[in-house]
Structure formats: structure tokens, C-alpha cells
Amino acid sequence: MTEPAGPVRRLAARDANPNLIQEADAARKFEVYKDRAGKSRVRVKLNSEVILSTVGCASKAGAKNAIESIKKNGPDAPTDDTTG
């Protein structure tokens, strides 16, 4: 069996090497921020690049609920390719 490359390999190896835990965790994060309209939003960053941004939430608590929902429901979400 071949070993996955890049971030997948590092995440799969987290349990084997404690130093990789810090590396993987530092590479990804959720950010709660206020947009120009004053709404709370969440962006997900991987290696400092925004890979996902939510719609505006009325409150910071709403944005934090969005984070929990992404964590809970995101890993098993199906992919819907509508490009044809």
C-alpha cells in the first residue's frame, strides 16, 4: 500500500508522531470576523489560504454555531458536482 502524499499523509500520521499534531493544527483554522455590513462570518483557512467562507450571521454566537455545524456535518458531506 502506498502512503498518501502531502497534508493527507501528515494527518493520517498524527497519532504516530506528536510533532505532526502541531504542524497539522497550525496549518488549518476557523476565523470569526465582522464583514463590512457588521455581520459575523466564519472563514476556514488552510495554510493561510481561505478555502471556505460562510454567509453573514446576525451574531458572533451564530458564527460559532456555524463552526460547530461544519465540524459535525462537514467531514461526511457528499460532493455534488453540478458542472455537467
N, C-alpha and C. Protein backbone atom coordinates (compact mmCIF):
# COMPACT_ATOMS: atom_id res chain seq x y z
N MET A 1 0.85 -1.18 0.00
CA MET A 1 0.00 0.00 0.00
C MET A 1 0.89 1.24 0.00
N THR A 2 0.59 2.20 -0.87
CA THR A 2 1.39 3.42 -0.92
C THR A 2 0.88 4.42 0.10
N GLU A 3 1.78 5.23 0.60
CA GLU A 3 1.44 6.24 1.60
C GLU A 3 0.94 7.50 0.90
N PRO A 4 -0.19 8.08 1.37
CA PRO A 4 -0.68 9.33 0.77
C PRO A 4 0.35 10.44 0.90
N ALA A 5 0.30 11.38 -0.01
CA ALA A 5 1.25 12.50 0.00
C ALA A 5 0.65 13.73 0.66
N GLY A 6 1.51 14.67 1.00
CA GLY A 6 1.10 15.99 1.48
C GLY A 6 0.32 15.97 2.78
N PRO A 7 -0.64 16.90 2.92
CA PRO A 7 -1.39 17.05 4.17
C PRO A 7 -2.13 15.78 4.59
N VAL A 8 -2.60 15.00 3.61
CA VAL A 8 -3.31 13.77 3.95
C VAL A 8 -2.38 12.84 4.70
N ARG A 9 -1.16 12.71 4.23
CA ARG A 9 -0.18 11.85 4.89
C ARG A 9 0.09 12.35 6.30
N ARG A 10 0.27 13.65 6.46
CA ARG A 10 0.57 14.20 7.78
C ARG A 10 -0.59 13.95 8.75
N LEU A 11 -1.83 14.16 8.29
CA LEU A 11 -2.97 13.96 9.17
C LEU A 11 -3.15 12.49 9.51
N ALA A 12 -2.88 11.60 8.56
CA ALA A 12 -3.01 10.18 8.82
C ALA A 12 -1.94 9.73 9.81
N ALA A 13 -0.81 10.41 9.84
CA ALA A 13 0.29 10.01 10.70
C ALA A 13 0.29 10.73 12.05
N ARG A 14 -0.73 11.51 12.34
CA ARG A 14 -0.76 12.32 13.56
C ARG A 14 -0.54 11.49 14.82
N ASP A 15 -1.19 10.34 14.90
CA ASP A 15 -1.07 9.53 16.10
C ASP A 15 0.32 8.94 16.27
N ALA A 16 1.02 8.74 15.18
CA ALA A 16 2.33 8.14 15.24
C ALA A 16 3.42 9.13 15.63
N ASN A 17 3.23 10.41 15.35
CA ASN A 17 4.26 11.40 15.61
C ASN A 17 3.64 12.66 16.22
N PRO A 18 3.80 12.87 17.53
CA PRO A 18 3.19 14.03 18.19
C PRO A 18 3.59 15.37 17.59
N ASN A 19 4.78 15.49 17.01
CA ASN A 19 5.20 16.76 16.40
C ASN A 19 4.33 17.13 15.21
N LEU A 20 3.76 16.13 14.52
CA LEU A 20 2.91 16.41 13.37
C LEU A 20 1.57 16.99 13.78
N ILE A 21 1.15 16.73 15.02
CA ILE A 21 -0.11 17.30 15.50
C ILE A 21 -0.03 18.82 15.44
N GLN A 22 1.04 19.40 15.97
CA GLN A 22 1.20 20.85 15.95
C GLN A 22 1.30 21.37 14.53
N GLU A 23 2.00 20.67 13.66
CA GLU A 23 2.14 21.11 12.27
C GLU A 23 0.79 21.12 11.57
N ALA A 24 0.01 20.07 11.72
CA ALA A 24 -1.29 19.98 11.06
C ALA A 24 -2.27 20.99 11.63
N ASP A 25 -2.28 21.15 12.96
CA ASP A 25 -3.20 22.09 13.59
C ASP A 25 -2.86 23.54 13.24
N ALA A 26 -1.59 23.84 13.07
CA ALA A 26 -1.18 25.20 12.72
C ALA A 26 -1.55 25.52 11.27
N ALA A 27 -1.71 24.50 10.44
CA ALA A 27 -1.99 24.71 9.02
C ALA A 27 -3.46 24.97 8.74
N ARG A 28 -4.35 24.70 9.71
CA ARG A 28 -5.77 24.88 9.47
C ARG A 28 -6.42 25.59 10.65
N LYS A 29 -7.41 26.44 10.35
CA LYS A 29 -8.10 27.12 11.45
C LYS A 29 -9.39 27.75 10.97
N PHE A 30 -10.28 28.00 11.93
CA PHE A 30 -11.51 28.74 11.71
C PHE A 30 -11.27 30.16 12.22
N GLU A 31 -11.77 31.14 11.48
CA GLU A 31 -11.69 32.54 11.92
C GLU A 31 -13.10 33.12 11.95
N VAL A 32 -13.45 33.77 13.05
CA VAL A 32 -14.69 34.53 13.13
C VAL A 32 -14.31 35.99 12.93
N TYR A 33 -15.02 36.68 12.02
CA TYR A 33 -14.70 38.08 11.74
C TYR A 33 -15.98 38.84 11.41
N LYS A 34 -15.91 40.15 11.44
CA LYS A 34 -17.04 41.02 11.06
C LYS A 34 -16.82 41.49 9.63
N ASP A 35 -17.87 41.39 8.82
CA ASP A 35 -17.77 41.90 7.46
C ASP A 35 -18.10 43.39 7.44
N ARG A 36 -18.09 44.01 6.26
CA ARG A 36 -18.34 45.45 6.14
C ARG A 36 -19.74 45.85 6.58
N ALA A 37 -20.68 44.92 6.50
CA ALA A 37 -22.06 45.20 6.91
C ALA A 37 -22.28 44.97 8.41
N GLY A 38 -21.21 44.57 9.11
CA GLY A 38 -21.31 44.35 10.55
C GLY A 38 -21.78 42.96 10.94
N LYS A 39 -21.93 42.06 9.96
CA LYS A 39 -22.34 40.68 10.23
C LYS A 39 -21.13 39.84 10.62
N SER A 40 -21.36 38.86 11.48
CA SER A 40 -20.30 37.91 11.86
C SER A 40 -20.23 36.82 10.81
N ARG A 41 -19.03 36.52 10.39
CA ARG A 41 -18.79 35.47 9.39
C ARG A 41 -17.69 34.55 9.86
N VAL A 42 -17.63 33.40 9.23
CA VAL A 42 -16.57 32.43 9.51
C VAL A 42 -15.84 32.15 8.21
N ARG A 43 -14.53 32.11 8.29
CA ARG A 43 -13.75 31.63 7.16
C ARG A 43 -12.87 30.50 7.66
N VAL A 44 -12.68 29.53 6.81
CA VAL A 44 -11.82 28.39 7.11
C VAL A 44 -10.55 28.57 6.31
N LYS A 45 -9.43 28.49 6.99
CA LYS A 45 -8.14 28.67 6.33
C LYS A 45 -7.32 27.39 6.41
N LEU A 46 -6.62 27.11 5.34
CA LEU A 46 -5.67 26.01 5.29
C LEU A 46 -4.39 26.59 4.74
N ASN A 47 -3.33 26.50 5.51
CA ASN A 47 -2.04 27.08 5.12
C ASN A 47 -2.19 28.55 4.74
N SER A 48 -2.92 29.30 5.55
CA SER A 48 -3.16 30.74 5.40
C SER A 48 -4.03 31.11 4.20
N GLU A 49 -4.56 30.15 3.47
CA GLU A 49 -5.42 30.42 2.33
C GLU A 49 -6.87 30.14 2.70
N VAL A 50 -7.76 31.08 2.39
CA VAL A 50 -9.18 30.89 2.68
C VAL A 50 -9.73 29.83 1.74
N ILE A 51 -10.30 28.76 2.32
CA ILE A 51 -10.87 27.70 1.49
C ILE A 51 -12.39 27.64 1.60
N LEU A 52 -12.96 28.40 2.57
CA LEU A 52 -14.40 28.43 2.74
C LEU A 52 -14.77 29.67 3.51
N SER A 53 -15.89 30.29 3.15
CA SER A 53 -16.41 31.44 3.87
C SER A 53 -17.91 31.29 3.98
N THR A 54 -18.46 31.59 5.15
CA THR A 54 -19.90 31.45 5.36
C THR A 54 -20.63 32.73 5.00
N VAL A 55 -21.95 32.63 4.96
CA VAL A 55 -22.79 33.81 4.82
C VAL A 55 -22.76 34.56 6.14
N GLY A 56 -23.19 35.81 6.13
CA GLY A 56 -23.20 36.62 7.34
C GLY A 56 -24.21 36.10 8.36
N CYS A 57 -23.81 36.10 9.61
CA CYS A 57 -24.67 35.70 10.72
C CYS A 57 -25.00 36.95 11.53
N ALA A 58 -26.15 36.97 12.14
CA ALA A 58 -26.59 38.14 12.91
C ALA A 58 -25.74 38.36 14.16
N SER A 59 -25.12 37.30 14.67
CA SER A 59 -24.36 37.43 15.91
C SER A 59 -23.10 36.57 15.87
N LYS A 60 -22.20 36.85 16.80
CA LYS A 60 -20.99 36.06 16.95
C LYS A 60 -21.35 34.63 17.34
N ALA A 61 -22.38 34.49 18.18
CA ALA A 61 -22.84 33.15 18.60
C ALA A 61 -23.31 32.36 17.38
N GLY A 62 -23.98 33.02 16.44
CA GLY A 62 -24.41 32.36 15.21
C GLY A 62 -23.22 31.86 14.39
N ALA A 63 -22.17 32.66 14.33
CA ALA A 63 -20.97 32.26 13.62
C ALA A 63 -20.30 31.06 14.29
N LYS A 64 -20.28 31.07 15.62
CA LYS A 64 -19.69 29.94 16.35
C LYS A 64 -20.53 28.68 16.17
N ASN A 65 -21.86 28.84 16.08
CA ASN A 65 -22.72 27.69 15.79
C ASN A 65 -22.42 27.13 14.40
N ALA A 66 -22.13 28.02 13.46
CA ALA A 66 -21.77 27.59 12.10
C ALA A 66 -20.50 26.74 12.13
N ILE A 67 -19.53 27.15 12.94
CA ILE A 67 -18.29 26.37 13.07
C ILE A 67 -18.60 24.97 13.58
N GLU A 68 -19.41 24.89 14.63
CA GLU A 68 -19.75 23.58 15.20
C GLU A 68 -20.50 22.72 14.18
N SER A 69 -21.36 23.33 13.39
CA SER A 69 -22.09 22.60 12.36
C SER A 69 -21.15 22.08 11.28
N ILE A 70 -20.19 22.90 10.88
CA ILE A 70 -19.21 22.47 9.87
C ILE A 70 -18.40 21.30 10.41
N LYS A 71 -17.95 21.39 11.66
CA LYS A 71 -17.16 20.32 12.26
C LYS A 71 -17.97 19.03 12.35
N LYS A 72 -19.24 19.15 12.72
CA LYS A 72 -20.10 17.98 12.91
C LYS A 72 -20.54 17.36 11.59
N ASN A 73 -20.98 18.19 10.65
CA ASN A 73 -21.61 17.69 9.43
C ASN A 73 -20.69 17.67 8.21
N GLY A 74 -19.61 18.42 8.23
CA GLY A 74 -18.75 18.56 7.06
C GLY A 74 -17.96 17.35 6.64
N PRO A 75 -17.36 16.61 7.57
CA PRO A 75 -16.47 15.52 7.15
C PRO A 75 -17.12 14.46 6.28
N ASP A 76 -18.40 14.19 6.46
CA ASP A 76 -19.07 13.15 5.70
C ASP A 76 -20.00 13.70 4.61
N ALA A 77 -19.92 15.01 4.36
CA ALA A 77 -20.81 15.61 3.37
C ALA A 77 -20.50 15.10 1.98
N PRO A 78 -21.53 14.78 1.19
CA PRO A 78 -21.29 14.32 -0.18
C PRO A 78 -20.88 15.49 -1.06
N THR A 79 -20.24 15.17 -2.18
CA THR A 79 -19.87 16.17 -3.17
C THR A 79 -20.92 16.17 -4.27
N ASP A 80 -21.43 17.34 -4.60
CA ASP A 80 -22.44 17.49 -5.64
C ASP A 80 -21.81 18.31 -6.77
N ASP A 81 -21.38 17.65 -7.82
CA ASP A 81 -20.76 18.31 -8.96
C ASP A 81 -21.85 18.69 -9.95
N THR A 82 -22.15 19.97 -10.05
CA THR A 82 -23.21 20.45 -10.92
C THR A 82 -22.67 21.04 -12.23
N THR A 83 -21.41 20.76 -12.53
CA THR A 83 -20.78 21.33 -13.72
C THR A 83 -21.15 20.59 -15.00
N GLY A 84 -21.81 19.44 -14.87
CA GLY A 84 -22.30 18.73 -16.06
C GLY A 84 -21.50 17.59 -16.49
